[in-house]
Amino acid sequence: MQSSTDDQVLTRRIRRELKTVRVMIALYCGAHHRDADRHALCDACDELWRYVEKRVQHCPFRAEKPTCVNCEVHCFKPAMRERVRQVMRYAGPRMSWRHPLLALMHFVDGRKPAPSRER
C-alpha cells in the first residue's frame, strides 16, 4: 500500500505511465513466457516490473518527469534498459489495438520535451 508521501510524488501522468508500462510488460510476458496463469507475470517479468516501478517512482524530475526514452538522466542499468526496449519493441505496436487510449497518451507524453538537467 502506498503512503500519502508516495501519492504526493506520483502525479496522474506518472501513474498513467506506470500503468502503460505494466500493460506492455503483461502483453510481452503473455506472448513469450506465461503458460498456466494468464493474469500473473512470470518471475522475470515481475522482476522487471518491480525495477521499473521503483526507478520511475524515484525519478529526480518528479512531476516534470519526461518519458524515459527522452530523458537525459538514464537511471536504468544497461541490462534492464535493454529488457525494457525488448518489451517496448514487442508491445508498442500492439498497444494501439489492445489499449488505444494508453497508447495515444504515451505518444503525447513522448512529444513533450525533457526538462533541463540543471536543477
PDB file of N, CA and C in Angstrom:
ATOM      1  N   MET A   1       0.840  -1.184   0.000  1.00  0.00           N
ATOM      2  CA  MET A   1       0.000   0.000   0.000  1.00  0.00           C
ATOM      3  C   MET A   1       0.877   1.236   0.000  1.00  0.00           C
ATOM      4  N   GLN A   2       0.483   2.260  -0.743  1.00  0.00           N
ATOM      5  CA  GLN A   2       1.273   3.471  -0.853  1.00  0.00           C
ATOM      6  C   GLN A   2       0.988   4.404   0.304  1.00  0.00           C
ATOM      7  N   SER A   3       2.036   5.093   0.726  1.00  0.00           N
ATOM      8  CA  SER A   3       1.856   6.091   1.775  1.00  0.00           C
ATOM      9  C   SER A   3       1.386   7.390   1.144  1.00  0.00           C
ATOM     10  N   SER A   4       0.955   8.338   1.980  1.00  0.00           N
ATOM     11  CA  SER A   4       0.499   9.617   1.448  1.00  0.00           C
ATOM     12  C   SER A   4       1.640  10.373   0.783  1.00  0.00           C
ATOM     13  N   THR A   5       2.877  10.185   1.246  1.00  0.00           N
ATOM     14  CA  THR A   5       4.031  10.815   0.620  1.00  0.00           C
ATOM     15  C   THR A   5       4.199  10.308  -0.800  1.00  0.00           C
ATOM     16  N   ASP A   6       4.049   8.999  -0.995  1.00  0.00           N
ATOM     17  CA  ASP A   6       4.148   8.421  -2.335  1.00  0.00           C
ATOM     18  C   ASP A   6       3.063   8.992  -3.245  1.00  0.00           C
ATOM     19  N   ASP A   7       1.855   9.159  -2.733  1.00  0.00           N
ATOM     20  CA  ASP A   7       0.753   9.700  -3.523  1.00  0.00           C
ATOM     21  C   ASP A   7       1.043  11.126  -3.974  1.00  0.00           C
ATOM     22  N   GLN A   8       1.707  11.901  -3.126  1.00  0.00           N
ATOM     23  CA  GLN A   8       2.030  13.275  -3.484  1.00  0.00           C
ATOM     24  C   GLN A   8       3.066  13.305  -4.602  1.00  0.00           C
ATOM     25  N   VAL A   9       4.015  12.382  -4.569  1.00  0.00           N
ATOM     26  CA  VAL A   9       5.085  12.340  -5.556  1.00  0.00           C
ATOM     27  C   VAL A   9       4.563  11.818  -6.894  1.00  0.00           C
ATOM     28  N   LEU A  10       3.687  10.825  -6.858  1.00  0.00           N
ATOM     29  CA  LEU A  10       3.193  10.222  -8.084  1.00  0.00           C
ATOM     30  C   LEU A  10       2.056  11.048  -8.670  1.00  0.00           C
ATOM     31  N   THR A  11       2.365  11.761  -9.705  1.00  0.00           N
ATOM     32  CA  THR A  11       1.337  12.547 -10.371  1.00  0.00           C
ATOM     33  C   THR A  11       0.444  11.632 -11.190  1.00  0.00           C
ATOM     34  N   ARG A  12      -0.616  12.200 -11.674  1.00  0.00           N
ATOM     35  CA  ARG A  12      -1.551  11.441 -12.505  1.00  0.00           C
ATOM     36  C   ARG A  12      -0.852  10.895 -13.753  1.00  0.00           C
ATOM     37  N   ARG A  13       0.018  11.711 -14.362  1.00  0.00           N
ATOM     38  CA  ARG A  13       0.727  11.278 -15.557  1.00  0.00           C
ATOM     39  C   ARG A  13       1.703  10.149 -15.256  1.00  0.00           C
ATOM     40  N   ILE A  14       2.380  10.231 -14.130  1.00  0.00           N
ATOM     41  CA  ILE A  14       3.318   9.173 -13.770  1.00  0.00           C
ATOM     42  C   ILE A  14       2.568   7.880 -13.470  1.00  0.00           C
ATOM     43  N   ARG A  15       1.427   7.977 -12.801  1.00  0.00           N
ATOM     44  CA  ARG A  15       0.620   6.770 -12.550  1.00  0.00           C
ATOM     45  C   ARG A  15       0.167   6.151 -13.864  1.00  0.00           C
ATOM     46  N   ARG A  16      -0.216   7.013 -14.832  1.00  0.00           N
ATOM     47  CA  ARG A  16      -0.624   6.511 -16.144  1.00  0.00           C
ATOM     48  C   ARG A  16       0.568   5.875 -16.858  1.00  0.00           C
ATOM     49  N   GLU A  17       1.732   6.480 -16.747  1.00  0.00           N
ATOM     50  CA  GLU A  17       2.929   5.918 -17.369  1.00  0.00           C
ATOM     51  C   GLU A  17       3.245   4.544 -16.781  1.00  0.00           C
ATOM     52  N   LEU A  18       3.138   4.430 -15.464  1.00  0.00           N
ATOM     53  CA  LEU A  18       3.368   3.133 -14.828  1.00  0.00           C
ATOM     54  C   LEU A  18       2.342   2.099 -15.297  1.00  0.00           C
ATOM     55  N   LYS A  19       1.101   2.514 -15.422  1.00  0.00           N
ATOM     56  CA  LYS A  19       0.059   1.594 -15.903  1.00  0.00           C
ATOM     57  C   LYS A  19       0.378   1.143 -17.330  1.00  0.00           C
ATOM     58  N   THR A  20       0.812   2.064 -18.168  1.00  0.00           N
ATOM     59  CA  THR A  20       1.155   1.739 -19.549  1.00  0.00           C
ATOM     60  C   THR A  20       2.292   0.726 -19.601  1.00  0.00           C
ATOM     61  N   VAL A  21       3.334   0.950 -18.813  1.00  0.00           N
ATOM     62  CA  VAL A  21       4.468   0.029 -18.788  1.00  0.00           C
ATOM     63  C   VAL A  21       4.032  -1.335 -18.267  1.00  0.00           C
ATOM     64  N   ARG A  22       3.193  -1.347 -17.242  1.00  0.00           N
ATOM     65  CA  ARG A  22       2.699  -2.617 -16.693  1.00  0.00           C
ATOM     66  C   ARG A  22       1.928  -3.403 -17.754  1.00  0.00           C
ATOM     67  N   VAL A  23       1.071  -2.716 -18.511  1.00  0.00           N
ATOM     68  CA  VAL A  23       0.298  -3.365 -19.571  1.00  0.00           C
ATOM     69  C   VAL A  23       1.234  -3.897 -20.658  1.00  0.00           C
ATOM     70  N   MET A  24       2.247  -3.114 -20.999  1.00  0.00           N
ATOM     71  CA  MET A  24       3.200  -3.554 -22.025  1.00  0.00           C
ATOM     72  C   MET A  24       3.975  -4.790 -21.573  1.00  0.00           C
ATOM     73  N   ILE A  25       4.395  -4.796 -20.327  1.00  0.00           N
ATOM     74  CA  ILE A  25       5.100  -5.966 -19.796  1.00  0.00           C
ATOM     75  C   ILE A  25       4.178  -7.179 -19.798  1.00  0.00           C
ATOM     76  N   ALA A  26       2.917  -6.981 -19.439  1.00  0.00           N
ATOM     77  CA  ALA A  26       1.957  -8.086 -19.430  1.00  0.00           C
ATOM     78  C   ALA A  26       1.730  -8.640 -20.841  1.00  0.00           C
ATOM     79  N   LEU A  27       1.631  -7.760 -21.838  1.00  0.00           N
ATOM     80  CA  LEU A  27       1.484  -8.218 -23.222  1.00  0.00           C
ATOM     81  C   LEU A  27       2.691  -9.047 -23.653  1.00  0.00           C
ATOM     82  N   TYR A  28       3.864  -8.545 -23.343  1.00  0.00           N
ATOM     83  CA  TYR A  28       5.096  -9.241 -23.700  1.00  0.00           C
ATOM     84  C   TYR A  28       5.186 -10.588 -22.986  1.00  0.00           C
ATOM     85  N   CYS A  29       4.926 -10.574 -21.703  1.00  0.00           N
ATOM     86  CA  CYS A  29       5.010 -11.797 -20.902  1.00  0.00           C
ATOM     87  C   CYS A  29       4.003 -12.836 -21.398  1.00  0.00           C
ATOM     88  N   GLY A  30       2.798 -12.390 -21.684  1.00  0.00           N
ATOM     89  CA  GLY A  30       1.766 -13.301 -22.161  1.00  0.00           C
ATOM     90  C   GLY A  30       2.149 -13.988 -23.455  1.00  0.00           C
ATOM     91  N   ALA A  31       2.874 -13.296 -24.301  1.00  0.00           N
ATOM     92  CA  ALA A  31       3.271 -13.859 -25.584  1.00  0.00           C
ATOM     93  C   ALA A  31       4.558 -14.685 -25.513  1.00  0.00           C
ATOM     94  N   HIS A  32       5.415 -14.385 -24.546  1.00  0.00           N
ATOM     95  CA  HIS A  32       6.727 -15.028 -24.509  1.00  0.00           C
ATOM     96  C   HIS A  32       6.974 -15.972 -23.334  1.00  0.00           C
ATOM     97  N   HIS A  33       6.282 -15.797 -22.211  1.00  0.00           N
ATOM     98  CA  HIS A  33       6.651 -16.556 -21.016  1.00  0.00           C
ATOM     99  C   HIS A  33       5.525 -17.332 -20.352  1.00  0.00           C
ATOM    100  N   ARG A  34       4.370 -16.728 -20.211  1.00  0.00           N
ATOM    101  CA  ARG A  34       3.316 -17.322 -19.393  1.00  0.00           C
ATOM    102  C   ARG A  34       2.744 -18.578 -20.010  1.00  0.00           C
ATOM    103  N   ASP A  35       2.441 -19.530 -19.152  1.00  0.00           N
ATOM    104  CA  ASP A  35       1.795 -20.759 -19.599  1.00  0.00           C
ATOM    105  C   ASP A  35       0.429 -20.912 -18.955  1.00  0.00           C
ATOM    106  N   ALA A  36       0.417 -21.173 -17.675  1.00  0.00           N
ATOM    107  CA  ALA A  36      -0.834 -21.522 -16.998  1.00  0.00           C
ATOM    108  C   ALA A  36      -1.648 -20.307 -16.541  1.00  0.00           C
ATOM    109  N   ASP A  37      -1.054 -19.465 -15.732  1.00  0.00           N
ATOM    110  CA  ASP A  37      -1.785 -18.348 -15.134  1.00  0.00           C
ATOM    111  C   ASP A  37      -1.712 -17.106 -16.028  1.00  0.00           C
ATOM    112  N   ARG A  38      -2.783 -16.793 -16.695  1.00  0.00           N
ATOM    113  CA  ARG A  38      -2.807 -15.696 -17.656  1.00  0.00           C
ATOM    114  C   ARG A  38      -2.857 -14.317 -16.994  1.00  0.00           C
ATOM    115  N   HIS A  39      -3.075 -14.260 -15.679  1.00  0.00           N
ATOM    116  CA  HIS A  39      -3.201 -12.967 -15.009  1.00  0.00           C
ATOM    117  C   HIS A  39      -1.958 -12.576 -14.212  1.00  0.00           C
ATOM    118  N   ALA A  40      -0.996 -13.454 -14.149  1.00  0.00           N
ATOM    119  CA  ALA A  40       0.210 -13.172 -13.372  1.00  0.00           C
ATOM    120  C   ALA A  40       1.413 -13.076 -14.307  1.00  0.00           C
ATOM    121  N   LEU A  41       2.356 -12.250 -13.929  1.00  0.00           N
ATOM    122  CA  LEU A  41       3.600 -12.156 -14.681  1.00  0.00           C
ATOM    123  C   LEU A  41       4.524 -13.291 -14.253  1.00  0.00           C
ATOM    124  N   CYS A  42       5.372 -13.739 -15.165  1.00  0.00           N
ATOM    125  CA  CYS A  42       6.390 -14.713 -14.788  1.00  0.00           C
ATOM    126  C   CYS A  42       7.382 -14.016 -13.854  1.00  0.00           C
ATOM    127  N   ASP A  43       8.273 -14.771 -13.259  1.00  0.00           N
ATOM    128  CA  ASP A  43       9.232 -14.197 -12.302  1.00  0.00           C
ATOM    129  C   ASP A  43      10.126 -13.132 -12.951  1.00  0.00           C
ATOM    130  N   ALA A  44      10.603 -13.393 -14.170  1.00  0.00           N
ATOM    131  CA  ALA A  44      11.496 -12.443 -14.839  1.00  0.00           C
ATOM    132  C   ALA A  44      10.774 -11.138 -15.162  1.00  0.00           C
ATOM    133  N   CYS A  45       9.540 -11.236 -15.646  1.00  0.00           N
ATOM    134  CA  CYS A  45       8.782 -10.028 -15.982  1.00  0.00           C
ATOM    135  C   CYS A  45       8.332  -9.299 -14.724  1.00  0.00           C
ATOM    136  N   ASP A  46       8.030 -10.027 -13.667  1.00  0.00           N
ATOM    137  CA  ASP A  46       7.674  -9.386 -12.396  1.00  0.00           C
ATOM    138  C   ASP A  46       8.879  -8.628 -11.841  1.00  0.00           C
ATOM    139  N   GLU A  47      10.058  -9.207 -11.961  1.00  0.00           N
ATOM    140  CA  GLU A  47      11.282  -8.532 -11.527  1.00  0.00           C
ATOM    141  C   GLU A  47      11.482  -7.244 -12.341  1.00  0.00           C
ATOM    142  N   LEU A  48      11.286  -7.315 -13.646  1.00  0.00           N
ATOM    143  CA  LEU A  48      11.414  -6.137 -14.495  1.00  0.00           C
ATOM    144  C   LEU A  48      10.400  -5.078 -14.091  1.00  0.00           C
ATOM    145  N   TRP A  49       9.149  -5.475 -13.865  1.00  0.00           N
ATOM    146  CA  TRP A  49       8.100  -4.529 -13.461  1.00  0.00           C
ATOM    147  C   TRP A  49       8.459  -3.831 -12.158  1.00  0.00           C
ATOM    148  N   ARG A  50       8.896  -4.603 -11.171  1.00  0.00           N
ATOM    149  CA  ARG A  50       9.250  -4.006  -9.869  1.00  0.00           C
ATOM    150  C   ARG A  50      10.414  -3.019 -10.012  1.00  0.00           C
ATOM    151  N   TYR A  51      11.371  -3.367 -10.851  1.00  0.00           N
ATOM    152  CA  TYR A  51      12.517  -2.481 -11.087  1.00  0.00           C
ATOM    153  C   TYR A  51      12.053  -1.177 -11.740  1.00  0.00           C
ATOM    154  N   VAL A  52      11.249  -1.286 -12.800  1.00  0.00           N
ATOM    155  CA  VAL A  52      10.751  -0.097 -13.498  1.00  0.00           C
ATOM    156  C   VAL A  52       9.927   0.767 -12.548  1.00  0.00           C
ATOM    157  N   GLU A  53       9.045   0.140 -11.805  1.00  0.00           N
ATOM    158  CA  GLU A  53       8.186   0.874 -10.870  1.00  0.00           C
ATOM    159  C   GLU A  53       9.030   1.658  -9.863  1.00  0.00           C
ATOM    160  N   LYS A  54      10.036   1.007  -9.319  1.00  0.00           N
ATOM    161  CA  LYS A  54      10.897   1.656  -8.323  1.00  0.00           C
ATOM    162  C   LYS A  54      11.664   2.828  -8.936  1.00  0.00           C
ATOM    163  N   ARG A  55      12.232   2.628 -10.122  1.00  0.00           N
ATOM    164  CA  ARG A  55      13.017   3.686 -10.761  1.00  0.00           C
ATOM    165  C   ARG A  55      12.134   4.875 -11.134  1.00  0.00           C
ATOM    166  N   VAL A  56      10.945   4.615 -11.662  1.00  0.00           N
ATOM    167  CA  VAL A  56      10.049   5.709 -12.061  1.00  0.00           C
ATOM    168  C   VAL A  56       9.575   6.477 -10.830  1.00  0.00           C
ATOM    169  N   GLN A  57       9.258   5.778  -9.763  1.00  0.00           N
ATOM    170  CA  GLN A  57       8.791   6.444  -8.552  1.00  0.00           C
ATOM    171  C   GLN A  57       9.868   7.323  -7.924  1.00  0.00           C
ATOM    172  N   HIS A  58      11.120   7.022  -8.184  1.00  0.00           N
ATOM    173  CA  HIS A  58      12.212   7.800  -7.601  1.00  0.00           C
ATOM    174  C   HIS A  58      12.912   8.685  -8.634  1.00  0.00           C
ATOM    175  N   CYS A  59      12.210   9.018  -9.686  1.00  0.00           N
ATOM    176  CA  CYS A  59      12.772   9.857 -10.740  1.00  0.00           C
ATOM    177  C   CYS A  59      13.155  11.225 -10.165  1.00  0.00           C
ATOM    178  N   PRO A  60      14.352  11.717 -10.477  1.00  0.00           N
ATOM    179  CA  PRO A  60      14.769  13.018  -9.939  1.00  0.00           C
ATOM    180  C   PRO A  60      13.952  14.191 -10.479  1.00  0.00           C
ATOM    181  N   PHE A  61      13.227  14.010 -11.573  1.00  0.00           N
ATOM    182  CA  PHE A  61      12.435  15.094 -12.146  1.00  0.00           C
ATOM    183  C   PHE A  61      11.038  15.192 -11.544  1.00  0.00           C
ATOM    184  N   ARG A  62      10.637  14.195 -10.763  1.00  0.00           N
ATOM    185  CA  ARG A  62       9.323  14.185 -10.096  1.00  0.00           C
ATOM    186  C   ARG A  62       8.183  14.475 -11.062  1.00  0.00           C
ATOM    187  N   ALA A  63       7.412  15.528 -10.816  1.00  0.00           N
ATOM    188  CA  ALA A  63       6.224  15.835 -11.613  1.00  0.00           C
ATOM    189  C   ALA A  63       6.578  16.240 -13.046  1.00  0.00           C
ATOM    190  N   GLU A  64       7.790  16.716 -13.271  1.00  0.00           N
ATOM    191  CA  GLU A  64       8.213  17.136 -14.607  1.00  0.00           C
ATOM    192  C   GLU A  64       8.839  15.997 -15.395  1.00  0.00           C
ATOM    193  N   LYS A  65       8.722  14.786 -14.896  1.00  0.00           N
ATOM    194  CA  LYS A  65       9.367  13.627 -15.489  1.00  0.00           C
ATOM    195  C   LYS A  65       8.982  13.451 -16.960  1.00  0.00           C
ATOM    196  N   PRO A  66       9.994  13.352 -17.834  1.00  0.00           N
ATOM    197  CA  PRO A  66       9.702  13.042 -19.233  1.00  0.00           C
ATOM    198  C   PRO A  66       9.548  11.532 -19.400  1.00  0.00           C
ATOM    199  N   THR A  67       9.164  11.086 -20.579  1.00  0.00           N
ATOM    200  CA  THR A  67       9.214   9.643 -20.809  1.00  0.00           C
ATOM    201  C   THR A  67      10.683   9.248 -20.756  1.00  0.00           C
ATOM    202  N   CYS A  68      10.960   8.051 -20.322  1.00  0.00           N
ATOM    203  CA  CYS A  68      12.343   7.633 -20.085  1.00  0.00           C
ATOM    204  C   CYS A  68      13.206   7.708 -21.347  1.00  0.00           C
ATOM    205  N   VAL A  69      12.621   7.425 -22.502  1.00  0.00           N
ATOM    206  CA  VAL A  69      13.399   7.465 -23.734  1.00  0.00           C
ATOM    207  C   VAL A  69      13.881   8.877 -24.051  1.00  0.00           C
ATOM    208  N   ASN A  70      13.182   9.903 -23.585  1.00  0.00           N
ATOM    209  CA  ASN A  70      13.558  11.295 -23.841  1.00  0.00           C
ATOM    210  C   ASN A  70      14.384  11.912 -22.722  1.00  0.00           C
ATOM    211  N   CYS A  71      14.656  11.167 -21.692  1.00  0.00           N
ATOM    212  CA  CYS A  71      15.321  11.714 -20.515  1.00  0.00           C
ATOM    213  C   CYS A  71      16.835  11.776 -20.693  1.00  0.00           C
ATOM    214  N   GLU A  72      17.435  12.833 -20.155  1.00  0.00           N
ATOM    215  CA  GLU A  72      18.888  12.976 -20.178  1.00  0.00           C
ATOM    216  C   GLU A  72      19.554  12.112 -19.116  1.00  0.00           C
ATOM    217  N   VAL A  73      18.839  11.815 -18.044  1.00  0.00           N
ATOM    218  CA  VAL A  73      19.368  11.016 -16.941  1.00  0.00           C
ATOM    219  C   VAL A  73      18.870   9.585 -17.127  1.00  0.00           C
ATOM    220  N   HIS A  74      19.789   8.678 -17.361  1.00  0.00           N
ATOM    221  CA  HIS A  74      19.378   7.286 -17.535  1.00  0.00           C
ATOM    222  C   HIS A  74      19.627   6.534 -16.236  1.00  0.00           C
ATOM    223  N   CYS A  75      18.550   6.326 -15.494  1.00  0.00           N
ATOM    224  CA  CYS A  75      18.692   5.718 -14.173  1.00  0.00           C
ATOM    225  C   CYS A  75      18.485   4.198 -14.203  1.00  0.00           C
ATOM    226  N   PHE A  76      18.247   3.631 -15.391  1.00  0.00           N
ATOM    227  CA  PHE A  76      18.133   2.179 -15.506  1.00  0.00           C
ATOM    228  C   PHE A  76      19.515   1.602 -15.780  1.00  0.00           C
ATOM    229  N   LYS A  77      19.802   0.462 -15.186  1.00  0.00           N
ATOM    230  CA  LYS A  77      21.029  -0.255 -15.513  1.00  0.00           C
ATOM    231  C   LYS A  77      20.941  -0.669 -16.976  1.00  0.00           C
ATOM    232  N   PRO A  78      22.074  -0.758 -17.671  1.00  0.00           N
ATOM    233  CA  PRO A  78      22.044  -1.096 -19.100  1.00  0.00           C
ATOM    234  C   PRO A  78      21.289  -2.397 -19.419  1.00  0.00           C
ATOM    235  N   ALA A  79      21.457  -3.422 -18.614  1.00  0.00           N
ATOM    236  CA  ALA A  79      20.765  -4.693 -18.868  1.00  0.00           C
ATOM    237  C   ALA A  79      19.249  -4.532 -18.735  1.00  0.00           C
ATOM    238  N   MET A  80      18.809  -3.790 -17.744  1.00  0.00           N
ATOM    239  CA  MET A  80      17.375  -3.570 -17.552  1.00  0.00           C
ATOM    240  C   MET A  80      16.825  -2.670 -18.647  1.00  0.00           C
ATOM    241  N   ARG A  81      17.608  -1.709 -19.049  1.00  0.00           N
ATOM    242  CA  ARG A  81      17.188  -0.833 -20.131  1.00  0.00           C
ATOM    243  C   ARG A  81      16.950  -1.626 -21.417  1.00  0.00           C
ATOM    244  N   GLU A  82      17.831  -2.568 -21.680  1.00  0.00           N
ATOM    245  CA  GLU A  82      17.676  -3.409 -22.862  1.00  0.00           C
ATOM    246  C   GLU A  82      16.437  -4.297 -22.743  1.00  0.00           C
ATOM    247  N   ARG A  83      16.172  -4.808 -21.562  1.00  0.00           N
ATOM    248  CA  ARG A  83      14.958  -5.621 -21.369  1.00  0.00           C
ATOM    249  C   ARG A  83      13.701  -4.791 -21.616  1.00  0.00           C
ATOM    250  N   VAL A  84      13.700  -3.549 -21.141  1.00  0.00           N
ATOM    251  CA  VAL A  84      12.554  -2.668 -21.377  1.00  0.00           C
ATOM    252  C   VAL A  84      12.413  -2.396 -22.872  1.00  0.00           C
ATOM    253  N   ARG A  85      13.520  -2.203 -23.548  1.00  0.00           N
ATOM    254  CA  ARG A  85      13.467  -1.982 -25.003  1.00  0.00           C
ATOM    255  C   ARG A  85      12.834  -3.176 -25.721  1.00  0.00           C
ATOM    256  N   GLN A  86      13.199  -4.372 -25.317  1.00  0.00           N
ATOM    257  CA  GLN A  86      12.610  -5.578 -25.924  1.00  0.00           C
ATOM    258  C   GLN A  86      11.102  -5.596 -25.722  1.00  0.00           C
ATOM    259  N   VAL A  87      10.685  -5.304 -24.506  1.00  0.00           N
ATOM    260  CA  VAL A  87       9.253  -5.273 -24.196  1.00  0.00           C
ATOM    261  C   VAL A  87       8.557  -4.222 -25.055  1.00  0.00           C
ATOM    262  N   MET A  88       9.117  -3.032 -25.126  1.00  0.00           N
ATOM    263  CA  MET A  88       8.509  -1.940 -25.889  1.00  0.00           C
ATOM    264  C   MET A  88       8.450  -2.270 -27.380  1.00  0.00           C
ATOM    265  N   ARG A  89       9.518  -2.883 -27.889  1.00  0.00           N
ATOM    266  CA  ARG A  89       9.537  -3.249 -29.306  1.00  0.00           C
ATOM    267  C   ARG A  89       8.411  -4.216 -29.647  1.00  0.00           C
ATOM    268  N   TYR A  90       8.148  -5.149 -28.746  1.00  0.00           N
ATOM    269  CA  TYR A  90       7.078  -6.118 -28.984  1.00  0.00           C
ATOM    270  C   TYR A  90       5.702  -5.493 -28.722  1.00  0.00           C
ATOM    271  N   ALA A  91       5.546  -4.882 -27.549  1.00  0.00           N
ATOM    272  CA  ALA A  91       4.221  -4.443 -27.113  1.00  0.00           C
ATOM    273  C   ALA A  91       3.778  -3.127 -27.751  1.00  0.00           C
ATOM    274  N   GLY A  92       4.712  -2.272 -28.110  1.00  0.00           N
ATOM    275  CA  GLY A  92       4.365  -0.963 -28.659  1.00  0.00           C
ATOM    276  C   GLY A  92       3.378  -1.020 -29.815  1.00  0.00           C
ATOM    277  N   PRO A  93       3.689  -1.776 -30.870  1.00  0.00           N
ATOM    278  CA  PRO A  93       2.757  -1.845 -31.997  1.00  0.00           C
ATOM    279  C   PRO A  93       1.402  -2.466 -31.638  1.00  0.00           C
ATOM    280  N   ARG A  94       1.356  -3.300 -30.636  1.00  0.00           N
ATOM    281  CA  ARG A  94       0.114  -3.965 -30.239  1.00  0.00           C
ATOM    282  C   ARG A  94      -0.744  -3.102 -29.321  1.00  0.00           C
ATOM    283  N   MET A  95      -0.141  -2.095 -28.713  1.00  0.00           N
ATOM    284  CA  MET A  95      -0.864  -1.249 -27.771  1.00  0.00           C
ATOM    285  C   MET A  95      -1.993  -0.475 -28.448  1.00  0.00           C
ATOM    286  N   SER A  96      -1.791  -0.034 -29.675  1.00  0.00           N
ATOM    287  CA  SER A  96      -2.834   0.763 -30.323  1.00  0.00           C
ATOM    288  C   SER A  96      -4.104  -0.047 -30.566  1.00  0.00           C
ATOM    289  N   TRP A  97      -3.985  -1.346 -30.645  1.00  0.00           N
ATOM    290  CA  TRP A  97      -5.169  -2.206 -30.818  1.00  0.00           C
ATOM    291  C   TRP A  97      -5.747  -2.661 -29.493  1.00  0.00           C
ATOM    292  N   ARG A  98      -4.878  -2.990 -28.547  1.00  0.00           N
ATOM    293  CA  ARG A  98      -5.339  -3.544 -27.273  1.00  0.00           C
ATOM    294  C   ARG A  98      -5.703  -2.468 -26.255  1.00  0.00           C
ATOM    295  N   HIS A  99      -4.956  -1.364 -26.254  1.00  0.00           N
ATOM    296  CA  HIS A  99      -5.157  -0.281 -25.285  1.00  0.00           C
ATOM    297  C   HIS A  99      -4.943   1.065 -25.983  1.00  0.00           C
ATOM    298  N   PRO A 100      -5.856   1.447 -26.861  1.00  0.00           N
ATOM    299  CA  PRO A 100      -5.634   2.650 -27.679  1.00  0.00           C
ATOM    300  C   PRO A 100      -5.470   3.942 -26.889  1.00  0.00           C
ATOM    301  N   LEU A 101      -6.216   4.125 -25.817  1.00  0.00           N
ATOM    302  CA  LEU A 101      -6.093   5.363 -25.045  1.00  0.00           C
ATOM    303  C   LEU A 101      -4.722   5.461 -24.377  1.00  0.00           C
ATOM    304  N   LEU A 102      -4.265   4.372 -23.767  1.00  0.00           N
ATOM    305  CA  LEU A 102      -2.929   4.386 -23.159  1.00  0.00           C
ATOM    306  C   LEU A 102      -1.857   4.638 -24.215  1.00  0.00           C
ATOM    307  N   ALA A 103      -2.011   4.021 -25.376  1.00  0.00           N
ATOM    308  CA  ALA A 103      -1.036   4.207 -26.453  1.00  0.00           C
ATOM    309  C   ALA A 103      -1.015   5.662 -26.910  1.00  0.00           C
ATOM    310  N   LEU A 104      -2.176   6.254 -27.080  1.00  0.00           N
ATOM    311  CA  LEU A 104      -2.262   7.647 -27.509  1.00  0.00           C
ATOM    312  C   LEU A 104      -1.630   8.576 -26.474  1.00  0.00           C
ATOM    313  N   MET A 105      -1.954   8.375 -25.224  1.00  0.00           N
ATOM    314  CA  MET A 105      -1.414   9.237 -24.172  1.00  0.00           C
ATOM    315  C   MET A 105       0.104   9.069 -24.043  1.00  0.00           C
ATOM    316  N   HIS A 106       0.601   7.849 -24.231  1.00  0.00           N
ATOM    317  CA  HIS A 106       2.043   7.614 -24.187  1.00  0.00           C
ATOM    318  C   HIS A 106       2.726   8.355 -25.347  1.00  0.00           C
ATOM    319  N   PHE A 107       2.086   8.343 -26.504  1.00  0.00           N
ATOM    320  CA  PHE A 107       2.614   9.072 -27.657  1.00  0.00           C
ATOM    321  C   PHE A 107       2.651  10.571 -27.362  1.00  0.00           C
ATOM    322  N   VAL A 108       1.573  11.100 -26.814  1.00  0.00           N
ATOM    323  CA  VAL A 108       1.502  12.530 -26.484  1.00  0.00           C
ATOM    324  C   VAL A 108       2.560  12.880 -25.435  1.00  0.00           C
ATOM    325  N   ASP A 109       2.668  12.065 -24.403  1.00  0.00           N
ATOM    326  CA  ASP A 109       3.674  12.318 -23.359  1.00  0.00           C
ATOM    327  C   ASP A 109       5.080  12.307 -23.942  1.00  0.00           C
ATOM    328  N   GLY A 110       5.325  11.441 -24.901  1.00  0.00           N
ATOM    329  CA  GLY A 110       6.645  11.330 -25.517  1.00  0.00           C
ATOM    330  C   GLY A 110       7.017  12.528 -26.370  1.00  0.00           C
ATOM    331  N   ARG A 111       6.055  13.332 -26.751  1.00  0.00           N
ATOM    332  CA  ARG A 111       6.302  14.516 -27.572  1.00  0.00           C
ATOM    333  C   ARG A 111       6.743  15.719 -26.724  1.00  0.00           C
ATOM    334  N   LYS A 112       6.527  15.637 -25.425  1.00  0.00           N
ATOM    335  CA  LYS A 112       6.909  16.748 -24.545  1.00  0.00           C
ATOM    336  C   LYS A 112       8.424  16.755 -24.362  1.00  0.00           C
ATOM    337  N   PRO A 113       9.032  17.929 -24.391  1.00  0.00           N
ATOM    338  CA  PRO A 113      10.491  17.992 -24.211  1.00  0.00           C
ATOM    339  C   PRO A 113      10.889  17.655 -22.772  1.00  0.00           C
ATOM    340  N   ALA A 114      12.070  17.090 -22.657  1.00  0.00           N
ATOM    341  CA  ALA A 114      12.605  16.773 -21.330  1.00  0.00           C
ATOM    342  C   ALA A 114      13.070  18.045 -20.655  1.00  0.00           C
ATOM    343  N   PRO A 115      12.878  18.148 -19.328  1.00  0.00           N
ATOM    344  CA  PRO A 115      13.383  19.332 -18.627  1.00  0.00           C
ATOM    345  C   PRO A 115      14.914  19.318 -18.607  1.00  0.00           C
ATOM    346  N   SER A 116      15.471  20.484 -18.416  1.00  0.00           N
ATOM    347  CA  SER A 116      16.923  20.601 -18.351  1.00  0.00           C
ATOM    348  C   SER A 116      17.449  19.829 -17.149  1.00  0.00           C
ATOM    349  N   ARG A 117      18.639  19.305 -17.287  1.00  0.00           N
ATOM    350  CA  ARG A 117      19.252  18.538 -16.195  1.00  0.00           C
ATOM    351  C   ARG A 117      19.655  19.433 -15.033  1.00  0.00           C
ATOM    352  N   GLU A 118      19.880  20.697 -15.307  1.00  0.00           N
ATOM    353  CA  GLU A 118      20.262  21.640 -14.253  1.00  0.00           C
ATOM    354  C   GLU A 118      19.065  21.905 -13.366  1.00  0.00           C
ATOM    355  N   ARG A 119      19.201  21.726 -12.083  1.00  0.00           N
ATOM    356  CA  ARG A 119      18.108  21.909 -11.132  1.00  0.00           C
ATOM    357  C   ARG A 119      18.521  22.842 -10.042  1.00  0.00           C
TER     358      ARG A 119
END
